[in-house]
Amino acid sequence: MSISVTTWHLEQTSPADLFPAQAPPAEQGVRIVRAEVPSPEFSRFLYTAVGGDIRWTDRLTWPYAQWAEFLGRPGTETWVAYEHGTPAGFVELAAEADGSVEITYFGLIPAFRGRRIGGHLLTYGVERAWDLAERWPGRAPAKRVWLHTCSKDGPHAMANYQRRGFRLYETTVTEEDEIPAPGPWPGAGPLTAGHTAGE
């Protein structure tokens, strides 16, 4: 059975476009740290833990070498949000040769959604996209930060991006085979209904 999937492409063209979200209270113990050592095991954990209930499936078939090659590319970064030492979500950045930085993935593990972490993590990730060149000698400063989201994603994702100052620049509609949500690992099944990535 096929379904219609709408994909929205959004962008910022200046650091001034960002509208920061308020950070969670200090007692919540939220901190954001860059995973500086490329780790396919850790990145795949984040990918499946965040995307298991919202049909993130495109990387499930990646072999170890493909994960390692992607994560090892200059200008690729993974920033992880922790709440009291436990991973809560992540934002993945990928610099491009034309001066763009793509937010390739962003979201929260279901148990951490609705806890005022998503807007803060997205804000931090966008700031790191804009200053990414400072951490990669020889790379030109970012000219644009962009991402895409789709109708399979959580219902609050689009609003979160727009609240942070992203502007819609392209919309496409495609037909795709309907795929059940795989859950975070085989046999786990979809997680609690009503939770959405990046909330």
C-alpha atoms as a PDB file:
ATOM      1  CA  MET A   1       0.000   0.000   0.000  1.00  0.00           C
ATOM      2  CA  SER A   2       1.370   3.431  -0.919  1.00  0.00           C
ATOM      3  CA  ILE A   3       0.903   6.732   0.877  1.00  0.00           C
ATOM      4  CA  SER A   4       1.408  10.340  -0.184  1.00  0.00           C
ATOM      5  CA  VAL A   5       4.331  11.933   1.648  1.00  0.00           C
ATOM      6  CA  THR A   6       4.792  15.699   1.713  1.00  0.00           C
ATOM      7  CA  THR A   7       8.347  16.922   2.227  1.00  0.00           C
ATOM      8  CA  TRP A   8       9.079  20.489   3.289  1.00  0.00           C
ATOM      9  CA  HIS A   9      12.500  22.079   2.776  1.00  0.00           C
ATOM     10  CA  LEU A  10      13.363  24.942   5.111  1.00  0.00           C
ATOM     11  CA  GLU A  11      16.361  27.243   5.464  1.00  0.00           C
ATOM     12  CA  GLN A  12      18.055  30.091   7.244  1.00  0.00           C
ATOM     13  CA  THR A  13      20.366  32.378   5.295  1.00  0.00           C
ATOM     14  CA  SER A  14      21.857  34.350   8.188  1.00  0.00           C
ATOM     15  CA  PRO A  15      22.671  33.647  11.846  1.00  0.00           C
ATOM     16  CA  ALA A  16      20.303  36.526  12.633  1.00  0.00           C
ATOM     17  CA  ASP A  17      17.397  34.380  11.367  1.00  0.00           C
ATOM     18  CA  LEU A  18      17.559  32.206  14.482  1.00  0.00           C
ATOM     19  CA  PHE A  19      14.966  32.759  17.212  1.00  0.00           C
ATOM     20  CA  PRO A  20      16.466  30.955  20.223  1.00  0.00           C
ATOM     21  CA  ALA A  21      14.322  28.833  22.494  1.00  0.00           C
ATOM     22  CA  GLN A  22      14.526  29.170  26.254  1.00  0.00           C
ATOM     23  CA  ALA A  23      16.872  26.674  27.879  1.00  0.00           C
ATOM     24  CA  PRO A  24      15.474  24.148  30.359  1.00  0.00           C
ATOM     25  CA  PRO A  25      15.939  25.071  34.042  1.00  0.00           C
ATOM     26  CA  ALA A  26      19.381  24.275  35.451  1.00  0.00           C
ATOM     27  CA  GLU A  27      18.017  21.714  37.899  1.00  0.00           C
ATOM     28  CA  GLN A  28      16.839  19.624  34.941  1.00  0.00           C
ATOM     29  CA  GLY A  29      20.483  18.801  34.305  1.00  0.00           C
ATOM     30  CA  VAL A  30      20.419  19.182  30.511  1.00  0.00           C
ATOM     31  CA  ARG A  31      23.731  19.595  28.714  1.00  0.00           C
ATOM     32  CA  ILE A  32      24.713  19.291  25.059  1.00  0.00           C
ATOM     33  CA  VAL A  33      28.021  17.713  24.084  1.00  0.00           C
ATOM     34  CA  ARG A  34      29.641  17.016  20.737  1.00  0.00           C
ATOM     35  CA  ALA A  35      30.427  13.353  20.087  1.00  0.00           C
ATOM     36  CA  GLU A  36      33.888  14.126  18.712  1.00  0.00           C
ATOM     37  CA  VAL A  37      35.017  10.545  18.085  1.00  0.00           C
ATOM     38  CA  PRO A  38      33.044   9.068  15.147  1.00  0.00           C
ATOM     39  CA  SER A  39      31.200   6.011  16.453  1.00  0.00           C
ATOM     40  CA  PRO A  40      28.871   4.052  14.153  1.00  0.00           C
ATOM     41  CA  GLU A  41      27.571   2.114  17.164  1.00  0.00           C
ATOM     42  CA  PHE A  42      26.590   5.246  19.091  1.00  0.00           C
ATOM     43  CA  SER A  43      25.186   7.078  16.073  1.00  0.00           C
ATOM     44  CA  ARG A  44      23.076   4.086  15.074  1.00  0.00           C
ATOM     45  CA  PHE A  45      21.769   3.860  18.638  1.00  0.00           C
ATOM     46  CA  LEU A  46      20.714   7.520  18.524  1.00  0.00           C
ATOM     47  CA  TYR A  47      19.156   7.085  15.085  1.00  0.00           C
ATOM     48  CA  THR A  48      17.036   4.077  16.071  1.00  0.00           C
ATOM     49  CA  ALA A  49      16.164   5.351  19.547  1.00  0.00           C
ATOM     50  CA  VAL A  50      14.892   8.697  18.230  1.00  0.00           C
ATOM     51  CA  GLY A  51      13.423   7.552  14.925  1.00  0.00           C
ATOM     52  CA  GLY A  52      12.027   4.120  15.746  1.00  0.00           C
ATOM     53  CA  ASP A  53       8.476   5.319  16.297  1.00  0.00           C
ATOM     54  CA  ILE A  54       8.377   7.806  13.391  1.00  0.00           C
ATOM     55  CA  ARG A  55       9.599   5.618  10.532  1.00  0.00           C
ATOM     56  CA  TRP A  56      13.244   6.614  10.236  1.00  0.00           C
ATOM     57  CA  THR A  57      14.279   3.692   8.063  1.00  0.00           C
ATOM     58  CA  ASP A  58      16.692   4.943   5.382  1.00  0.00           C
ATOM     59  CA  ARG A  59      19.833   4.143   7.410  1.00  0.00           C
ATOM     60  CA  LEU A  60      18.717   0.854   8.926  1.00  0.00           C
ATOM     61  CA  THR A  61      20.442  -1.078   6.139  1.00  0.00           C
ATOM     62  CA  TRP A  62      23.714   0.878   6.305  1.00  0.00           C
ATOM     63  CA  PRO A  63      26.681  -1.428   6.953  1.00  0.00           C
ATOM     64  CA  TYR A  64      29.301  -0.433   9.505  1.00  0.00           C
ATOM     65  CA  ALA A  65      31.643   0.893   6.815  1.00  0.00           C
ATOM     66  CA  GLN A  66      28.989   3.269   5.466  1.00  0.00           C
ATOM     67  CA  TRP A  67      28.311   4.692   8.928  1.00  0.00           C
ATOM     68  CA  ALA A  68      32.041   5.111   9.494  1.00  0.00           C
ATOM     69  CA  GLU A  69      32.568   6.818   6.125  1.00  0.00           C
ATOM     70  CA  PHE A  70      29.702   9.271   6.696  1.00  0.00           C
ATOM     71  CA  LEU A  71      30.645  10.136  10.264  1.00  0.00           C
ATOM     72  CA  GLY A  72      34.295  10.545   9.339  1.00  0.00           C
ATOM     73  CA  ARG A  73      33.723  13.149   6.646  1.00  0.00           C
ATOM     74  CA  PRO A  74      35.196  16.576   7.476  1.00  0.00           C
ATOM     75  CA  GLY A  75      32.400  18.905   8.544  1.00  0.00           C
ATOM     76  CA  THR A  76      30.104  16.176   9.885  1.00  0.00           C
ATOM     77  CA  GLU A  77      29.191  16.619  13.553  1.00  0.00           C
ATOM     78  CA  THR A  78      26.896  14.947  16.081  1.00  0.00           C
ATOM     79  CA  TRP A  79      25.728  16.958  19.097  1.00  0.00           C
ATOM     80  CA  VAL A  80      23.997  14.992  21.856  1.00  0.00           C
ATOM     81  CA  ALA A  81      21.659  16.292  24.548  1.00  0.00           C
ATOM     82  CA  TYR A  82      21.893  14.585  27.934  1.00  0.00           C
ATOM     83  CA  GLU A  83      19.560  14.870  30.901  1.00  0.00           C
ATOM     84  CA  HIS A  84      21.428  14.014  34.093  1.00  0.00           C
ATOM     85  CA  GLY A  85      23.887  11.931  32.077  1.00  0.00           C
ATOM     86  CA  THR A  86      21.356   9.984  29.995  1.00  0.00           C
ATOM     87  CA  PRO A  87      21.188  10.582  26.206  1.00  0.00           C
ATOM     88  CA  ALA A  88      17.962  12.438  25.408  1.00  0.00           C
ATOM     89  CA  GLY A  89      18.338  13.314  21.719  1.00  0.00           C
ATOM     90  CA  PHE A  90      20.720  14.535  19.066  1.00  0.00           C
ATOM     91  CA  VAL A  91      21.292  16.856  16.148  1.00  0.00           C
ATOM     92  CA  GLU A  92      23.509  15.817  13.242  1.00  0.00           C
ATOM     93  CA  LEU A  93      25.178  18.380  10.970  1.00  0.00           C
ATOM     94  CA  ALA A  94      26.793  17.883   7.565  1.00  0.00           C
ATOM     95  CA  ALA A  95      28.731  20.663   5.858  1.00  0.00           C
ATOM     96  CA  GLU A  96      28.535  20.877   2.071  1.00  0.00           C
ATOM     97  CA  ALA A  97      31.013  22.214  -0.473  1.00  0.00           C
ATOM     98  CA  ASP A  98      28.750  25.122  -1.471  1.00  0.00           C
ATOM     99  CA  GLY A  99      28.852  26.677   2.004  1.00  0.00           C
ATOM    100  CA  SER A 100      25.580  25.111   3.166  1.00  0.00           C
ATOM    101  CA  VAL A 101      25.246  23.130   6.372  1.00  0.00           C
ATOM    102  CA  GLU A 102      22.462  20.559   6.472  1.00  0.00           C
ATOM    103  CA  ILE A 103      20.773  19.491   9.671  1.00  0.00           C
ATOM    104  CA  THR A 104      20.556  15.902   8.504  1.00  0.00           C
ATOM    105  CA  TYR A 105      18.815  14.551  11.613  1.00  0.00           C
ATOM    106  CA  PHE A 106      17.334  16.056  14.756  1.00  0.00           C
ATOM    107  CA  GLY A 107      15.062  14.633  17.406  1.00  0.00           C
ATOM    108  CA  LEU A 108      14.504  13.372  20.913  1.00  0.00           C
ATOM    109  CA  ILE A 109      14.133   9.900  22.356  1.00  0.00           C
ATOM    110  CA  PRO A 110      10.397   9.487  23.138  1.00  0.00           C
ATOM    111  CA  ALA A 111      10.787   9.461  26.933  1.00  0.00           C
ATOM    112  CA  PHE A 112      12.394  12.925  26.765  1.00  0.00           C
ATOM    113  CA  ARG A 113       9.844  14.637  24.540  1.00  0.00           C
ATOM    114  CA  GLY A 114       7.643  17.314  26.068  1.00  0.00           C
ATOM    115  CA  ARG A 115      10.357  18.277  28.592  1.00  0.00           C
ATOM    116  CA  ARG A 116      11.476  21.588  26.993  1.00  0.00           C
ATOM    117  CA  ILE A 117      14.590  19.986  25.532  1.00  0.00           C
ATOM    118  CA  GLY A 118      13.711  19.992  21.815  1.00  0.00           C
ATOM    119  CA  GLY A 119      13.655  23.736  21.182  1.00  0.00           C
ATOM    120  CA  HIS A 120      16.832  24.191  23.198  1.00  0.00           C
ATOM    121  CA  LEU A 121      18.637  21.383  21.346  1.00  0.00           C
ATOM    122  CA  LEU A 122      17.534  22.732  17.965  1.00  0.00           C
ATOM    123  CA  THR A 123      18.671  26.238  18.914  1.00  0.00           C
ATOM    124  CA  TYR A 124      22.063  24.912  19.959  1.00  0.00           C
ATOM    125  CA  GLY A 125      22.358  22.802  16.815  1.00  0.00           C
ATOM    126  CA  VAL A 126      21.583  25.746  14.550  1.00  0.00           C
ATOM    127  CA  GLU A 127      24.172  27.877  16.352  1.00  0.00           C
ATOM    128  CA  ARG A 128      26.751  25.104  15.853  1.00  0.00           C
ATOM    129  CA  ALA A 129      25.799  24.879  12.171  1.00  0.00           C
ATOM    130  CA  TRP A 130      26.473  28.583  11.710  1.00  0.00           C
ATOM    131  CA  ASP A 131      29.862  28.452  13.477  1.00  0.00           C
ATOM    132  CA  LEU A 132      30.856  25.011  12.164  1.00  0.00           C
ATOM    133  CA  ALA A 133      33.725  26.392  10.047  1.00  0.00           C
ATOM    134  CA  GLU A 134      35.468  27.592  13.214  1.00  0.00           C
ATOM    135  CA  ARG A 135      36.036  23.940  14.175  1.00  0.00           C
ATOM    136  CA  TRP A 136      37.194  22.816  10.716  1.00  0.00           C
ATOM    137  CA  PRO A 137      40.333  24.669   9.528  1.00  0.00           C
ATOM    138  CA  GLY A 138      40.206  25.655   5.887  1.00  0.00           C
ATOM    139  CA  ARG A 139      36.431  25.493   5.584  1.00  0.00           C
ATOM    140  CA  ALA A 140      34.633  28.668   4.493  1.00  0.00           C
ATOM    141  CA  PRO A 141      32.029  30.153   6.848  1.00  0.00           C
ATOM    142  CA  ALA A 142      28.496  28.829   6.457  1.00  0.00           C
ATOM    143  CA  LYS A 143      26.243  30.755   4.077  1.00  0.00           C
ATOM    144  CA  ARG A 144      23.079  28.777   4.700  1.00  0.00           C
ATOM    145  CA  VAL A 145      21.627  26.259   7.152  1.00  0.00           C
ATOM    146  CA  TRP A 146      18.883  24.003   5.845  1.00  0.00           C
ATOM    147  CA  LEU A 147      16.883  20.885   6.599  1.00  0.00           C
ATOM    148  CA  HIS A 148      13.867  18.967   5.467  1.00  0.00           C
ATOM    149  CA  THR A 149      10.993  17.376   7.337  1.00  0.00           C
ATOM    150  CA  CYS A 150       8.034  15.403   6.077  1.00  0.00           C
ATOM    151  CA  SER A 151       4.491  14.390   6.888  1.00  0.00           C
ATOM    152  CA  LYS A 152       5.747  11.106   8.390  1.00  0.00           C
ATOM    153  CA  ASP A 153       7.593  13.070  11.062  1.00  0.00           C
ATOM    154  CA  GLY A 154       6.010  14.158  14.336  1.00  0.00           C
ATOM    155  CA  PRO A 155       3.180  16.714  14.148  1.00  0.00           C
ATOM    156  CA  HIS A 156       5.161  19.309  16.124  1.00  0.00           C
ATOM    157  CA  ALA A 157       8.379  19.135  14.078  1.00  0.00           C
ATOM    158  CA  MET A 158       7.434  21.708  11.432  1.00  0.00           C
ATOM    159  CA  ALA A 159       6.222  24.223  14.029  1.00  0.00           C
ATOM    160  CA  ASN A 160       9.434  23.832  16.041  1.00  0.00           C
ATOM    161  CA  TYR A 161      11.546  24.589  12.976  1.00  0.00           C
ATOM    162  CA  GLN A 162       9.467  27.617  12.073  1.00  0.00           C
ATOM    163  CA  ARG A 163       9.577  28.956  15.642  1.00  0.00           C
ATOM    164  CA  ARG A 164      13.359  28.839  15.414  1.00  0.00           C
ATOM    165  CA  GLY A 165      13.266  31.048  12.293  1.00  0.00           C
ATOM    166  CA  PHE A 166      13.421  28.537   9.452  1.00  0.00           C
ATOM    167  CA  ARG A 167      11.593  29.566   6.276  1.00  0.00           C
ATOM    168  CA  LEU A 168       9.909  27.204   3.840  1.00  0.00           C
ATOM    169  CA  TYR A 169      11.405  27.328   0.340  1.00  0.00           C
ATOM    170  CA  GLU A 170      10.253  24.123  -1.360  1.00  0.00           C
ATOM    171  CA  THR A 171       7.488  21.536  -0.984  1.00  0.00           C
ATOM    172  CA  THR A 172       7.308  18.195  -2.771  1.00  0.00           C
ATOM    173  CA  VAL A 173       4.799  15.351  -2.701  1.00  0.00           C
ATOM    174  CA  THR A 174       5.758  11.757  -3.509  1.00  0.00           C
ATOM    175  CA  GLU A 175       4.158   8.343  -3.283  1.00  0.00           C
ATOM    176  CA  GLU A 176       5.948   5.874  -1.018  1.00  0.00           C
ATOM    177  CA  ASP A 177       5.308   2.369   0.199  1.00  0.00           C
ATOM    178  CA  GLU A 178       3.802   2.451   3.668  1.00  0.00           C
ATOM    179  CA  ILE A 179       6.273   1.032   6.184  1.00  0.00           C
ATOM    180  CA  PRO A 180       5.296   0.211   9.778  1.00  0.00           C
ATOM    181  CA  ALA A 181       7.256   2.063  12.453  1.00  0.00           C
ATOM    182  CA  PRO A 182      10.137  -0.302  13.269  1.00  0.00           C
ATOM    183  CA  GLY A 183      10.623   0.654  16.908  1.00  0.00           C
ATOM    184  CA  PRO A 184      14.067   1.253  18.438  1.00  0.00           C
ATOM    185  CA  TRP A 185      15.234  -2.367  17.963  1.00  0.00           C
ATOM    186  CA  PRO A 186      13.837  -5.536  16.391  1.00  0.00           C
ATOM    187  CA  GLY A 187      10.949  -6.829  18.454  1.00  0.00           C
ATOM    188  CA  ALA A 188      10.504  -3.680  20.507  1.00  0.00           C
ATOM    189  CA  GLY A 189       7.589  -2.431  18.407  1.00  0.00           C
ATOM    190  CA  PRO A 190       6.429   1.162  18.042  1.00  0.00           C
ATOM    191  CA  LEU A 191       6.746   3.333  21.104  1.00  0.00           C
ATOM    192  CA  THR A 192       4.022   5.226  22.915  1.00  0.00           C
ATOM    193  CA  ALA A 193       1.611   6.935  20.556  1.00  0.00           C
ATOM    194  CA  GLY A 194       1.454  10.703  20.774  1.00  0.00           C
ATOM    195  CA  HIS A 195       5.182  11.313  21.213  1.00  0.00           C
ATOM    196  CA  THR A 196       6.923  13.037  18.329  1.00  0.00           C
ATOM    197  CA  ALA A 197      10.504  13.767  17.389  1.00  0.00           C
ATOM    198  CA  GLY A 198      11.859  17.152  18.312  1.00  0.00           C
ATOM    199  CA  GLU A 199       8.931  18.091  20.543  1.00  0.00           C
END
